[in-house]
C-alpha cells in the first residue's frame, strides 16, 4: 500500500540521492504535516517588525470555489497567549458561509470556550491557526453550521450561482 509517508520518503531519497529508509540528517527531518502545509498557499507578513504579536496572513487557495483569490487576515496574539486564542479577522470582503462580510470568522479552534472540545487549548499553536484558516477554503468549508447564513442558503439553493457570486467577489475584492 502506498502511503503519504512512504511517498515523501521515497521522493526525498530521489532528491538527495540517498536510498529510502537509509540514514538521514536530522536537519532534513520535516513532519508530514509540515510538508503538507508548505504548499505555497499561505504567506505571513509583519507590518511592524517590532510587533511580532501582530501579523498578517495571505491565503491563496489552490483548489475549490476560492482558488483564484487571495484573502488577507489580520492576526493579533494577545499577552495571555497560549491560554487564550489569537484574535483573527478577515480583511478581504468575501462570500463565504463561515466568514461574515464584516470579517468575523467561524472557526472552532479560535473559540476560547467550546462545548465539543474542538475550541482553543494551550496545546494549540499559531501553525494550527494558519492551517485552520487555509482549510476554511477547502476541508473546513462548512455549509451546515454557517456564520453567514445567506451564503450557506445560497449554496443550497443554487451551487452554480453561488460559485458565480464567489468569483464576482474575488474579482472585486480578492485580487
Protein backbone atom coordinates (compact mmCIF):
# COMPACT_ATOMS: atom_id res chain seq x y z
CA UNK A 1 0.00 0.00 0.00
CA UNK A 2 1.28 3.45 -0.92
CA UNK A 3 1.12 5.92 1.95
CA UNK A 4 1.94 9.60 2.03
CA UNK A 5 4.81 8.95 4.43
CA UNK A 6 6.40 6.35 2.15
CA UNK A 7 5.92 8.54 -0.93
CA UNK A 8 7.55 11.53 0.79
CA UNK A 9 10.42 9.34 2.00
CA UNK A 10 10.94 7.89 -1.49
CA UNK A 11 10.77 11.37 -3.11
CA UNK A 12 13.31 12.70 -0.57
CA UNK A 13 15.64 9.79 -1.40
CA UNK A 14 15.43 10.60 -5.11
CA UNK A 15 16.21 14.30 -4.45
CA UNK A 16 19.16 13.64 -2.14
CA UNK A 17 20.48 10.51 -3.81
CA UNK A 18 20.01 8.53 -0.58
CA UNK A 19 18.13 5.26 -0.61
CA UNK A 20 14.71 5.35 1.08
CA UNK A 21 14.86 4.22 4.69
CA UNK A 22 18.56 4.94 4.93
CA UNK A 23 20.23 7.19 7.47
CA UNK A 24 19.04 10.75 7.34
CA UNK A 25 20.44 14.00 8.62
CA UNK A 26 18.20 15.32 11.44
CA UNK A 27 18.31 18.81 9.91
CA UNK A 28 16.38 17.42 6.93
CA UNK A 29 13.61 15.87 9.03
CA UNK A 30 10.28 17.52 8.46
CA UNK A 31 6.97 16.15 9.68
CA UNK A 32 4.43 15.04 7.12
CA UNK A 33 2.03 17.69 8.39
CA UNK A 34 4.66 20.40 7.89
CA UNK A 35 5.29 19.14 4.36
CA UNK A 36 1.57 19.33 3.62
CA UNK A 37 1.41 22.90 4.93
CA UNK A 38 4.21 24.03 2.64
CA UNK A 39 2.00 24.31 -0.41
CA UNK A 40 2.64 27.97 -1.07
CA UNK A 41 -0.95 28.88 -0.24
CA UNK A 42 -0.17 30.90 2.91
CA UNK A 43 2.20 33.79 3.40
CA UNK A 44 2.75 35.71 6.64
CA UNK A 45 3.96 39.30 6.78
CA UNK A 46 4.78 41.66 9.63
CA UNK A 47 3.75 45.29 9.05
CA UNK A 48 5.89 46.39 12.02
CA UNK A 49 8.99 44.27 12.67
CA UNK A 50 8.95 45.45 16.30
CA UNK A 51 5.48 43.99 16.91
CA UNK A 52 5.77 40.27 16.27
CA UNK A 53 2.47 39.70 18.08
CA UNK A 54 0.64 41.42 15.21
CA UNK A 55 0.91 39.99 11.71
CA UNK A 56 -0.99 39.47 8.50
CA UNK A 57 -1.64 36.26 6.65
CA UNK A 58 -2.45 36.00 2.95
CA UNK A 59 -4.22 32.78 1.91
CA UNK A 60 -4.36 31.89 -1.80
CA UNK A 61 -6.33 28.64 -2.09
CA UNK A 62 -5.17 26.32 -4.86
CA UNK A 63 -8.47 24.42 -5.18
CA UNK A 64 -12.20 24.79 -4.66
CA UNK A 65 -14.56 27.73 -5.01
CA UNK A 66 -11.98 30.29 -3.84
CA UNK A 67 -8.91 29.15 -5.79
CA UNK A 68 -8.38 32.30 -7.85
CA UNK A 69 -8.39 34.74 -4.92
CA UNK A 70 -6.04 35.95 -2.23
CA UNK A 71 -7.62 36.58 1.15
CA UNK A 72 -5.98 38.67 3.86
CA UNK A 73 -6.30 38.03 7.58
CA UNK A 74 -5.11 40.16 10.46
CA UNK A 75 -3.86 38.18 13.45
CA UNK A 76 -3.26 39.64 16.91
CA UNK A 77 -1.64 37.43 19.51
CA UNK A 78 -2.75 38.57 22.99
CA UNK A 79 -0.48 38.75 26.03
CA UNK A 80 -2.34 35.81 27.56
CA UNK A 81 -1.44 33.55 24.60
CA UNK A 82 -1.19 30.44 24.83
CA UNK A 83 -4.01 30.34 27.35
CA UNK A 84 -6.32 32.29 25.02
CA UNK A 85 -6.54 32.12 21.22
CA UNK A 86 -5.25 34.80 18.89
CA UNK A 87 -7.77 37.32 17.53
CA UNK A 88 -8.27 36.87 13.80
CA UNK A 89 -10.22 38.98 11.35
CA UNK A 90 -10.62 38.64 7.59
CA UNK A 91 -9.65 41.90 5.87
CA UNK A 92 -10.95 40.83 2.45
CA UNK A 93 -14.65 41.07 1.68
CA UNK A 94 -15.80 37.55 0.88
CA UNK A 95 -18.93 35.50 0.16
CA UNK A 96 -18.33 32.53 2.45
CA UNK A 97 -20.58 30.57 4.83
CA UNK A 98 -18.02 30.66 7.68
CA UNK A 99 -16.73 34.22 7.24
CA UNK A 100 -19.01 37.22 7.62
CA UNK A 101 -18.75 40.04 5.11
CA UNK A 102 -17.61 42.21 8.04
CA UNK A 103 -14.62 39.90 8.67
CA UNK A 104 -15.70 37.77 11.65
CA UNK A 105 -14.64 34.14 11.36
CA UNK A 106 -16.38 30.97 12.48
CA UNK A 107 -13.56 28.51 13.16
CA UNK A 108 -13.88 26.28 16.20
CA UNK A 109 -10.21 26.39 17.17
CA UNK A 110 -10.47 30.18 17.58
CA UNK A 111 -13.20 29.80 20.21
CA UNK A 112 -11.97 30.30 23.74
CA UNK A 113 -14.70 28.08 25.16
CA UNK A 114 -16.17 25.19 23.22
CA UNK A 115 -18.69 22.59 24.31
CA UNK A 116 -17.47 19.96 21.84
CA UNK A 117 -13.79 20.19 22.83
CA UNK A 118 -12.61 21.47 19.44
CA UNK A 119 -12.00 25.02 20.67
CA UNK A 120 -8.77 26.65 21.74
CA UNK A 121 -6.45 24.76 24.07
CA UNK A 122 -3.00 25.76 25.37
CA UNK A 123 -1.53 22.94 23.28
CA UNK A 124 -2.60 24.64 20.04
CA UNK A 125 -0.12 26.74 18.10
CA UNK A 126 -0.13 29.53 15.55
CA UNK A 127 0.61 26.86 12.95
CA UNK A 128 -2.79 25.33 13.83
CA UNK A 129 -4.41 28.72 13.26
CA UNK A 130 -2.74 29.11 9.86
CA UNK A 131 -3.74 25.56 8.91
CA UNK A 132 -7.32 26.24 10.06
CA UNK A 133 -7.64 29.47 8.07
CA UNK A 134 -6.22 27.79 4.97
CA UNK A 135 -8.62 24.87 5.45
CA UNK A 136 -11.66 27.17 5.64
CA UNK A 137 -11.40 27.32 1.87
CA UNK A 138 -11.31 23.53 1.39
CA UNK A 139 -11.69 20.85 4.09
CA UNK A 140 -13.34 23.00 6.76
CA UNK A 141 -15.76 24.83 4.44
CA UNK A 142 -18.96 24.20 6.39
CA UNK A 143 -22.42 24.93 4.97
CA UNK A 144 -24.21 23.10 7.82
CA UNK A 145 -23.17 25.44 10.67
CA UNK A 146 -22.75 28.83 8.98
CA UNK A 147 -21.89 32.26 10.30
CA UNK A 148 -23.09 33.83 7.05
CA UNK A 149 -26.49 32.14 6.75
CA UNK A 150 -27.28 33.89 3.45
CA UNK A 151 -24.17 32.42 1.80
CA UNK A 152 -24.97 28.92 3.09
CA UNK A 153 -28.59 29.10 1.92
CA UNK A 154 -27.43 30.49 -1.43
CA UNK A 155 -25.21 27.43 -1.86
CA UNK A 156 -28.10 25.09 -1.00
CA UNK A 157 -30.44 26.82 -3.50
CA UNK A 158 -28.08 27.12 -6.45
CA UNK A 159 -24.48 25.90 -6.35
CA UNK A 160 -23.61 27.36 -9.76
CA UNK A 161 -24.96 30.81 -8.87
CA UNK A 162 -23.08 30.57 -5.55
CA UNK A 163 -19.86 29.84 -7.48
CA UNK A 164 -20.54 32.83 -9.75
CA UNK A 165 -21.10 35.16 -6.77
CA UNK A 166 -17.88 33.91 -5.12
CA UNK A 167 -15.98 34.61 -8.36
CA UNK A 168 -17.57 38.07 -8.57
CA UNK A 169 -16.40 38.85 -5.02
CA UNK A 170 -12.92 37.56 -5.88
CA UNK A 171 -12.81 39.74 -8.97
CA UNK A 172 -13.76 42.86 -6.98
CA UNK A 173 -12.10 42.27 -3.60
CA UNK A 174 -9.55 39.43 -3.64
CA UNK A 175 -7.09 40.14 -6.44
